[in-house]
Protein backbone atom coordinates (compact mmCIF):
# COMPACT_ATOMS: atom_id res chain seq x y z
CA MET A 1 -26.17 -11.91 29.89
CA GLY A 2 -25.00 -13.70 33.05
CA GLN A 3 -27.03 -14.33 36.22
CA THR A 4 -25.82 -12.70 39.26
CA LYS A 5 -25.80 -16.34 41.50
CA ASN A 6 -21.95 -16.57 41.10
CA PHE A 7 -20.86 -13.24 41.05
CA PHE A 8 -19.44 -13.24 44.91
CA LYS A 9 -18.02 -16.54 43.99
CA ASP A 10 -14.70 -14.65 43.54
CA LYS A 11 -13.49 -10.90 42.82
CA LYS A 12 -12.60 -10.71 39.28
CA PRO A 13 -9.45 -8.35 38.45
CA TRP A 14 -11.41 -5.38 37.00
CA SER A 15 -13.62 -5.62 39.86
CA ILE A 16 -10.31 -5.46 42.26
CA VAL A 17 -9.15 -2.23 39.91
CA LYS A 18 -12.88 -0.23 40.52
CA ASP A 19 -12.48 -0.74 44.41
CA ARG A 20 -9.08 0.50 44.34
CA VAL A 21 -9.94 3.58 42.57
CA LEU A 22 -12.57 3.99 45.32
CA ASP A 23 -10.35 3.10 48.13
CA TYR A 24 -7.75 5.59 46.69
CA TYR A 25 -10.18 8.56 46.58
CA LEU A 26 -12.11 8.04 49.76
CA LYS A 27 -9.51 9.23 52.21
CA PRO A 28 -8.38 12.44 50.58
CA TYR A 29 -12.23 13.12 49.66
CA THR A 30 -13.48 12.53 53.31
CA SER A 31 -10.56 14.50 54.74
CA LYS A 32 -11.28 17.79 52.63
CA VAL A 33 -15.27 17.43 52.87
CA LEU A 34 -15.42 16.94 56.39
CA ARG A 35 -13.23 20.55 56.51
CA THR A 36 -16.32 21.86 55.38
CA GLY A 37 -18.00 21.29 58.82
CA LYS A 38 -21.01 19.66 57.06
CA PRO A 39 -21.91 15.57 57.52
CA VAL A 40 -20.90 13.51 54.82
CA ILE A 41 -22.66 10.39 53.37
CA ILE A 42 -21.06 7.92 51.63
CA CYS A 43 -23.73 5.63 49.93
CA ASP A 44 -22.96 2.29 48.20
CA CYS A 45 -25.85 1.98 45.79
CA PHE A 46 -25.51 -1.47 45.02
CA ALA A 47 -23.55 -2.57 47.88
CA GLY A 48 -23.61 -6.63 47.46
CA LYS A 49 -22.56 -8.94 50.26
CA GLY A 50 -19.49 -6.76 51.67
CA LYS A 51 -17.26 -9.88 50.81
CA PHE A 52 -16.68 -12.36 48.43
CA ASP A 53 -16.81 -16.08 48.91
CA ASP A 54 -13.01 -16.20 48.33
CA GLY A 55 -12.34 -14.09 51.44
CA GLU A 56 -11.59 -10.58 49.43
CA ILE A 57 -13.59 -7.68 50.56
CA GLY A 58 -15.87 -5.63 48.58
CA SER A 59 -16.99 -1.54 48.49
CA PRO A 60 -19.12 -1.74 51.74
CA LEU A 61 -16.17 -3.04 53.85
CA LEU A 62 -13.89 -0.46 51.89
CA ILE A 63 -15.86 2.19 53.19
CA ALA A 64 -16.47 1.22 56.59
CA GLU A 65 -12.96 0.67 57.10
CA HIS A 66 -12.78 4.88 55.85
CA ILE A 67 -15.40 5.45 58.26
CA LYS A 68 -13.59 3.67 61.24
CA SER A 69 -10.21 5.21 60.33
CA HIS A 70 -11.88 8.88 60.71
CA LEU A 71 -13.69 8.22 63.93
CA LEU A 72 -10.27 6.45 65.49
CA LYS A 73 -8.96 10.29 64.40
CA GLN A 74 -11.40 12.49 65.20
CA PRO A 75 -13.91 11.06 67.87
CA ASP A 76 -15.62 14.44 67.57
CA ALA A 77 -16.60 13.26 63.93
CA ASP A 78 -19.05 10.54 65.13
CA ASN A 79 -21.83 12.64 63.86
CA LYS A 80 -20.31 13.86 61.00
CA ILE A 81 -19.87 10.94 58.71
CA GLN A 82 -22.01 7.89 58.05
CA GLY A 83 -22.04 4.68 55.32
CA VAL A 84 -25.40 3.58 53.72
CA PHE A 85 -25.64 0.51 51.95
CA ILE A 86 -28.44 -0.63 49.94
CA GLU A 87 -28.75 -4.30 48.62
CA LYS A 88 -31.73 -6.05 47.72
CA LYS A 89 -30.66 -10.01 47.55
CA TYR A 90 -27.84 -9.94 50.34
CA HIS A 91 -28.46 -7.70 52.97
CA ASP A 92 -28.67 -10.44 55.56
CA GLU A 93 -25.05 -11.21 54.92
CA LEU A 94 -24.34 -7.72 54.15
CA ASN A 95 -25.62 -6.76 58.24
CA SER A 96 -23.12 -9.52 59.20
CA ASN A 97 -20.30 -8.69 57.46
CA LEU A 98 -20.44 -5.20 58.85
CA SER A 99 -21.32 -5.75 62.19
CA GLY A 100 -18.73 -4.29 64.69
CA TYR A 101 -18.32 -1.15 62.19
CA ALA A 102 -19.89 2.26 63.69
CA ASN A 103 -22.11 4.54 61.51
CA VAL A 104 -23.40 2.09 59.09
CA ILE A 105 -26.52 1.10 57.87
CA VAL A 106 -28.00 -1.34 55.57
CA TYR A 107 -31.47 -0.39 53.01
CA PRO A 108 -32.97 -3.75 52.24
CA GLY A 109 -34.15 -3.61 48.61
CA SER A 110 -33.38 -2.05 45.45
CA TYR A 111 -31.68 1.08 44.43
CA GLU A 112 -34.77 2.19 42.83
CA ASP A 113 -37.12 1.22 45.93
CA ASN A 114 -34.70 3.21 48.01
CA LEU A 115 -34.23 6.27 46.02
CA LYS A 116 -36.64 7.92 48.50
CA ASN A 117 -34.61 7.33 51.52
CA ILE A 118 -31.73 8.84 49.85
CA LEU A 119 -34.07 12.09 48.87
CA ALA A 120 -34.79 11.88 52.36
CA PHE A 121 -31.18 12.81 53.63
CA ASN A 122 -30.64 16.34 55.08
CA ALA A 123 -29.92 18.70 52.24
CA ASN A 124 -26.98 20.03 54.51
CA ASN A 125 -25.28 17.05 54.06
CA ASN A 126 -22.33 16.16 51.67
CA LEU A 127 -23.43 13.15 49.34
CA PHE A 128 -20.71 10.73 48.05
CA LEU A 129 -22.67 8.11 45.55
CA TYR A 130 -20.91 4.96 44.37
CA VAL A 131 -22.84 3.41 41.76
CA ASP A 132 -21.81 -0.17 41.03
CA PRO A 133 -24.54 -2.43 39.83
CA TYR A 134 -24.63 -5.57 38.49
CA GLY A 135 -25.58 -4.69 35.31
CA ILE A 136 -27.15 -1.86 33.48
CA LYS A 137 -31.06 -1.72 34.20
CA SER A 138 -31.00 0.09 37.44
CA LEU A 139 -29.25 3.02 35.55
CA ASP A 140 -32.07 5.34 34.86
CA LEU A 141 -30.76 8.82 34.62
CA SER A 142 -33.76 10.35 35.87
CA ALA A 143 -32.95 9.14 39.40
CA PHE A 144 -29.69 10.83 39.35
CA SER A 145 -31.29 13.88 38.17
CA GLN A 146 -33.78 13.77 41.02
CA ILE A 147 -30.80 13.16 43.47
CA LYS A 148 -29.06 16.54 41.92
CA SER A 149 -32.19 18.24 42.28
CA ARG A 150 -32.58 17.70 46.05
CA LYS A 151 -29.48 20.43 46.12
CA PHE A 152 -27.25 18.69 48.69
CA TYR A 153 -24.29 20.72 50.34
CA SER A 154 -22.46 18.74 47.61
CA VAL A 155 -22.88 15.80 45.43
CA GLU A 156 -19.98 13.90 44.12
CA MET A 157 -20.42 10.27 42.11
CA LEU A 158 -18.26 7.41 41.07
CA LEU A 159 -20.52 5.39 38.52
CA ASN A 160 -19.58 2.09 36.85
CA PHE A 161 -20.82 1.91 33.34
CA ASN A 162 -20.91 -1.13 31.27
CA SER A 163 -20.86 0.41 27.99
CA ALA A 164 -19.98 -2.80 25.75
CA GLY A 165 -22.77 -4.76 28.05
CA PHE A 166 -25.43 -2.26 26.56
CA LEU A 167 -24.42 -2.00 23.21
CA ARG A 168 -24.62 -5.96 23.53
CA GLU A 169 -28.37 -5.57 24.89
CA GLY A 170 -29.09 -3.20 22.76
CA CYS A 171 -28.10 -5.47 19.68
CA ARG A 172 -30.48 -8.44 21.18
CA LEU A 173 -33.32 -5.94 21.69
CA LEU A 174 -33.03 -4.72 18.30
CA LYS A 175 -32.73 -8.34 16.92
CA TYR A 176 -29.53 -7.90 15.23
CA LYS A 177 -28.64 -11.11 15.74
CA ASP A 178 -24.87 -12.02 16.16
CA ALA A 179 -23.70 -8.62 16.11
CA PHE A 180 -21.82 -9.50 19.35
CA THR A 181 -19.67 -12.73 18.62
CA ASP A 182 -16.85 -12.22 20.93
CA GLU A 183 -17.76 -13.70 24.43
CA ASP A 184 -14.88 -11.86 26.23
CA LEU A 185 -16.37 -8.04 25.17
CA THR A 186 -18.42 -8.10 28.51
CA ASP A 187 -19.39 -10.56 31.18
CA TYR A 188 -20.76 -8.73 33.87
CA GLU A 189 -23.54 -9.91 35.65
CA VAL A 190 -26.97 -8.47 35.43
CA ASP A 191 -30.39 -9.00 36.99
CA ASP A 192 -32.96 -11.28 35.96
CA ASP A 193 -35.45 -8.96 35.01
CA ALA A 194 -35.54 -8.56 31.04
CA ASN A 195 -34.83 -5.02 29.38
CA THR A 196 -37.16 -3.50 26.89
CA LYS A 197 -36.13 -0.69 24.44
CA GLU A 198 -37.97 2.07 26.36
CA LYS A 199 -36.07 0.76 29.32
CA MET A 200 -32.61 1.30 27.33
CA ASP A 201 -33.80 4.82 26.30
CA SER A 202 -34.05 5.74 29.97
CA ILE A 203 -30.79 4.44 30.80
CA ALA A 204 -29.03 5.92 27.88
CA GLY A 205 -30.97 9.14 28.30
CA GLY A 206 -32.50 9.42 24.76
CA SER A 207 -32.81 7.06 21.75
CA TYR A 208 -29.54 7.60 20.34
CA TRP A 209 -28.06 4.65 20.76
CA LYS A 210 -30.43 2.97 18.20
CA ASP A 211 -29.03 4.94 15.49
CA ILE A 212 -25.23 4.18 16.56
CA LEU A 213 -26.39 0.25 16.54
CA SER A 214 -27.91 0.68 13.04
CA ALA A 215 -24.83 1.96 11.97
CA TYR A 216 -22.86 -0.86 13.17
CA TYR A 217 -24.73 -3.47 12.28
CA LYS A 218 -24.70 -2.05 8.62
CA SER A 219 -21.00 -2.14 8.80
CA GLN A 220 -20.60 1.66 8.63
CA ILE A 221 -18.80 1.71 11.70
CA ASP A 222 -16.66 -1.04 14.09
CA ILE A 223 -17.72 -1.66 17.38
CA TYR A 224 -14.98 0.43 18.59
CA SER A 225 -16.32 3.36 17.05
CA ALA A 226 -19.83 2.32 18.14
CA GLU A 227 -18.82 2.15 21.71
CA GLU A 228 -17.02 5.77 21.45
CA GLN A 229 -19.86 7.42 19.84
CA PHE A 230 -22.09 6.43 22.41
CA PHE A 231 -20.00 6.86 25.45
CA SER A 232 -19.48 10.14 24.16
CA GLU A 233 -23.41 10.75 23.98
CA TYR A 234 -23.92 9.47 27.35
CA SER A 235 -21.22 11.50 28.87
CA LYS A 236 -23.21 14.91 27.31
CA ARG A 237 -26.23 13.77 29.16
CA VAL A 238 -24.19 13.51 32.84
CA ASN A 239 -22.58 16.48 32.07
CA HIS A 240 -25.90 18.35 32.33
CA LEU A 241 -25.93 16.71 35.77
CA PHE A 242 -22.50 17.80 36.79
CA ARG A 243 -20.33 20.66 35.79
CA TYR A 244 -17.15 18.37 35.77
CA THR A 245 -16.71 14.96 34.76
CA VAL A 246 -13.87 12.59 33.78
CA ASN A 247 -14.15 8.84 33.10
CA ILE A 248 -11.48 5.95 33.34
CA PRO A 249 -11.79 3.23 30.59
CA ILE A 250 -11.00 0.01 32.18
CA LYS A 251 -9.59 -2.46 29.47
CA ILE A 252 -7.43 -5.57 29.58
CA LYS A 253 -5.84 -4.32 26.66
CA SER A 254 -5.54 -0.81 24.97
CA THR A 255 -6.73 -2.37 21.75
CA HIS A 256 -9.93 -3.90 23.50
CA LEU A 257 -13.21 -2.50 24.24
CA PRO A 258 -13.60 -1.29 28.04
CA LYS A 259 -14.59 -4.04 30.58
CA TYR A 260 -16.19 -0.86 31.88
CA ARG A 261 -16.11 2.58 32.28
CA LEU A 262 -15.40 4.63 35.56
CA ILE A 263 -17.23 7.76 35.19
CA PHE A 264 -16.82 10.71 38.25
CA GLY A 265 -18.94 13.59 38.59
CA SER A 266 -18.66 16.82 40.46
CA ASP A 267 -19.51 20.14 40.84
CA HIS A 268 -16.53 21.41 42.03
CA GLU A 269 -13.20 21.75 40.32
CA ASP A 270 -11.18 21.04 43.30
CA GLY A 271 -13.27 17.33 43.68
CA LEU A 272 -12.02 16.80 39.74
CA ILE A 273 -8.44 17.58 40.10
CA LEU A 274 -8.15 15.37 43.28
CA MET A 275 -9.74 12.67 41.54
CA ALA A 276 -7.93 12.81 38.22
CA ASP A 277 -4.54 13.58 40.17
CA ASN A 278 -4.90 10.67 42.65
CA MET A 279 -5.96 8.28 40.12
CA ASN A 280 -2.87 9.16 38.09
CA LYS A 281 -0.60 8.48 40.72
CA LYS A 282 -2.04 5.42 42.06
CA TRP A 283 -2.89 3.84 38.52
CA ASN A 284 1.09 4.25 37.60
CA GLU A 285 1.60 2.04 40.88
CA ILE A 286 -0.99 -0.33 39.73
CA VAL A 287 1.14 -0.87 36.36
CA ALA A 288 4.74 -0.44 37.56
CA ASN A 289 3.72 -3.37 40.49
CA GLN A 290 2.05 -5.80 37.71
CA ARG A 291 5.13 -5.10 35.24
CA GLY A 292 7.57 -5.90 38.24
CA GLY A 293 5.35 -9.26 38.94
CA GLN A 294 4.14 -7.57 41.82
CA GLY A 295 0.62 -8.97 42.14
CA ALA A 296 -0.46 -8.44 38.59
CA LEU A 297 -4.03 -7.93 38.12
CA PHE A 298 -3.77 -8.53 34.46
CA ASP A 299 -2.31 -7.25 31.38
CA TYR A 300 -3.43 -3.79 31.43
CA GLU A 301 -1.86 -0.59 29.83
CA PHE A 302 -2.05 3.00 31.58
CA PRO A 303 -5.23 4.46 29.76
CA ASN A 304 -2.87 7.73 28.23
CA LEU A 305 -5.09 9.62 25.86
CA ALA A 306 -2.62 11.91 24.60
CA ILE A 307 -1.02 8.45 22.96
CA LEU A 308 -4.20 6.53 22.40
CA LYS A 309 -6.29 9.89 20.77
CA SER A 310 -3.00 11.42 19.26
CA PHE A 311 -3.87 14.55 21.71
CA ASP A 312 -1.23 17.12 21.74
CA LEU A 313 -0.86 18.71 24.98
CA HIS A 314 1.05 22.04 24.13
CA LYS A 315 -1.32 22.51 21.10
CA ASP A 316 -4.55 22.03 23.47
CA ILE A 317 -2.90 24.66 26.07
CA MET A 318 -2.39 27.24 23.22
CA SER A 319 -5.95 26.67 22.19
CA PHE A 320 -7.68 26.87 25.06
CA ILE A 321 -5.63 30.30 25.94
CA THR A 322 -6.14 31.91 22.48
CA SER A 323 -9.70 31.39 23.01
CA ASP A 324 -9.89 34.31 25.65
CA SER A 325 -7.42 36.91 25.12
CA SER A 326 -7.27 38.20 28.79
CA GLY A 327 -5.85 34.91 29.52
CA VAL A 328 -7.30 32.17 31.78
CA LEU A 329 -7.09 31.10 35.31
CA LEU A 330 -4.30 28.48 35.98
CA LYS A 331 -6.85 26.49 37.84
CA SER A 332 -9.83 26.53 34.99
CA LEU A 333 -6.71 25.41 32.54
CA ILE A 334 -6.17 22.70 34.23
CA VAL A 335 -9.44 21.69 35.11
CA HIS A 336 -10.10 22.06 30.99
CA LEU A 337 -6.90 19.60 30.45
CA ILE A 338 -8.31 17.01 32.73
CA GLN A 339 -11.85 16.58 31.20
CA ARG A 340 -9.74 16.38 28.07
CA TYR A 341 -7.26 14.30 28.96
CA GLY A 342 -8.69 12.07 31.86
CA ILE A 343 -6.17 10.45 34.38
CA SER A 344 -3.51 10.36 31.53
CA PHE A 345 -1.40 13.00 33.35
CA PRO A 346 -0.95 14.36 37.10
CA GLU A 347 -1.65 17.68 38.09
CA LYS A 348 2.08 18.59 38.14
CA HIS A 349 2.94 17.75 34.81
CA TYR A 350 0.27 20.22 33.60
CA ILE A 351 1.87 22.86 35.80
CA ASP A 352 5.63 21.76 34.97
CA THR A 353 4.34 22.04 31.19
CA ILE A 354 3.26 25.60 31.69
CA ILE A 355 6.14 26.46 33.34
CA ASP A 356 8.00 25.47 30.51
CA MET A 357 6.26 26.70 27.66
CA GLU A 358 6.28 30.27 29.68
CA ALA A 359 10.55 29.77 29.79
CA ARG A 360 10.38 29.00 25.79
CA GLY A 361 8.60 32.09 25.44
CA LEU A 362 5.22 31.05 24.59
CA LEU A 363 3.07 31.99 27.50
CA ARG A 364 3.31 34.52 30.31
CA ILE A 365 2.19 33.53 33.90
CA ASP A 366 1.00 36.38 35.77
CA ARG A 367 0.04 36.24 39.92
CA TYR A 368 -1.83 38.60 42.18
CA PRO A 369 -0.21 39.31 44.39
CA SER A 370 2.69 39.61 42.31
CA VAL A 371 5.18 39.69 45.34
CA THR A 372 5.78 37.51 48.43
CA LYS A 373 5.38 38.54 52.08
CA THR A 374 8.97 38.92 51.91
CA GLY A 375 8.84 41.28 49.19
CA LYS A 376 10.26 39.22 46.75
CA PRO A 377 8.64 38.20 42.93
CA ALA A 378 5.87 35.73 43.40
CA ARG A 379 7.07 32.24 41.64
CA SER A 380 4.45 30.17 43.25
CA MET A 381 2.14 27.88 40.73
CA ASN A 382 -0.31 27.27 43.78
CA TYR A 383 -3.94 28.78 43.19
CA ASP A 384 -4.87 28.35 46.56
CA ASP A 385 -2.78 31.35 47.69
CA TYR A 386 -2.19 33.31 44.28
CA ARG A 387 -4.45 34.58 41.71
CA ILE A 388 -2.63 32.72 38.72
CA THR A 389 -3.74 33.84 35.33
CA VAL A 390 -1.97 32.25 32.08
CA ARG A 391 -2.17 34.29 28.86
CA LEU A 392 -0.15 34.57 25.44
CA LYS A 393 3.06 35.91 25.28
C-alpha cells in the first residue's frame, strides 16, 4: 500500500463524499444533542492537516465551522460544544489551519496514544467520534469497546473502514501471491508500520477473515462475496458496541468493490433515523447534480439495496409485523427497515408505503390517543406525538 506523504496533495473525489456525509449530518446532530442540555464533544480521531494542498478543506475545518455557527447563534453555548482533533504527523499545520476558531483543541500524537485523553472526558458529555484513518492499522475494536464502556451520556460514531484494503493486506500477510491484481480496488493510504496477522485479528475482532480469504484464494468464492462476507462478520462486532448501525458503501460504480464503507453507530433510534434520512436526501442530491453535470464527483450509482440485493420492501414489512401478533411500534419498524435497507429510502417513503398497505387492506394502523385535541379521528404518523402501532389487518 501507499504512503501518507502525498495524501494531502489534493482531495480525492471519495474523500469529498465522506466529508459531505459528515458535514450534512453534523448540523441536525449538534442541534438535537445540544437540546439535551449536556455538552457535546466532536472528536476527529485522525484529523490530518485540516486543509489539502489544493485548497480543499478537510474534516477539522468542517467541524470547526459547525461549532462556529452554533456559537454565533447561541453565545451561551460556549461551554457546551467543543472540537477535539487528534493528529500525529501534521499537528503543527493543523493548529495553524484552525487558528481563529474557538472551542477547538489539537492533541498531538496518534489515536492510540490519545485514547487515554478521550477516556478522560467527562462522562456527562455527548461524544461524536469521526474515525477516518489513513489505513486500517489503528482500528483496534477493543479501543472502541473502552470508549463505549466509559458510559458517556451518548456516543455516536462515523467510521471509515477500507474493507477491500483489509482483504488485500490480509492476502499479503497470508502470502496469497497476486490474489489482488486490480490496482484500482483500493488506493487508500496507510502508515509505514507493518501489520501482522495478530494485529489484523484485533482490527477485525477475530480470525474469521483468514477463512474467508482462504476460500477466495481457492476460488470457492469471488472477491465480491469475500468482501460481503467479511463486512457482514465485521458488522456483527460493531453491532455489539452500538444498538443501531447502518453502513454506506462508497463505490465508483455499483459493480465495483466499495472504495470504503462508512459505518454509523448509535444507541438511539433518533440518531439512526436522522442519519439515514439525511443521507438519503443528500445522496440523491449528489447523484442528481452529477447527472446534470453540476460538479460531478465520479460516476457513482445510488446504493439502493432494494435493487442491488433484490430486497422486497412490502415483504419485509409484512415479515417483521408477522413476527409479533400484537403489532410493532411504527418507530421500531422504521428502524428495522433502515438497518436492512441502509440509506436506500427516506423515512417518508417507509411511512407512505405503510399507509398504502393499510389502504389496500394489508395492515392496520392504531394510534393512541385515537383522537386529536379537537376530537377528530387521529390520522397523524408522527410517532413523537402519538403511540403508533402497525399490525396485521
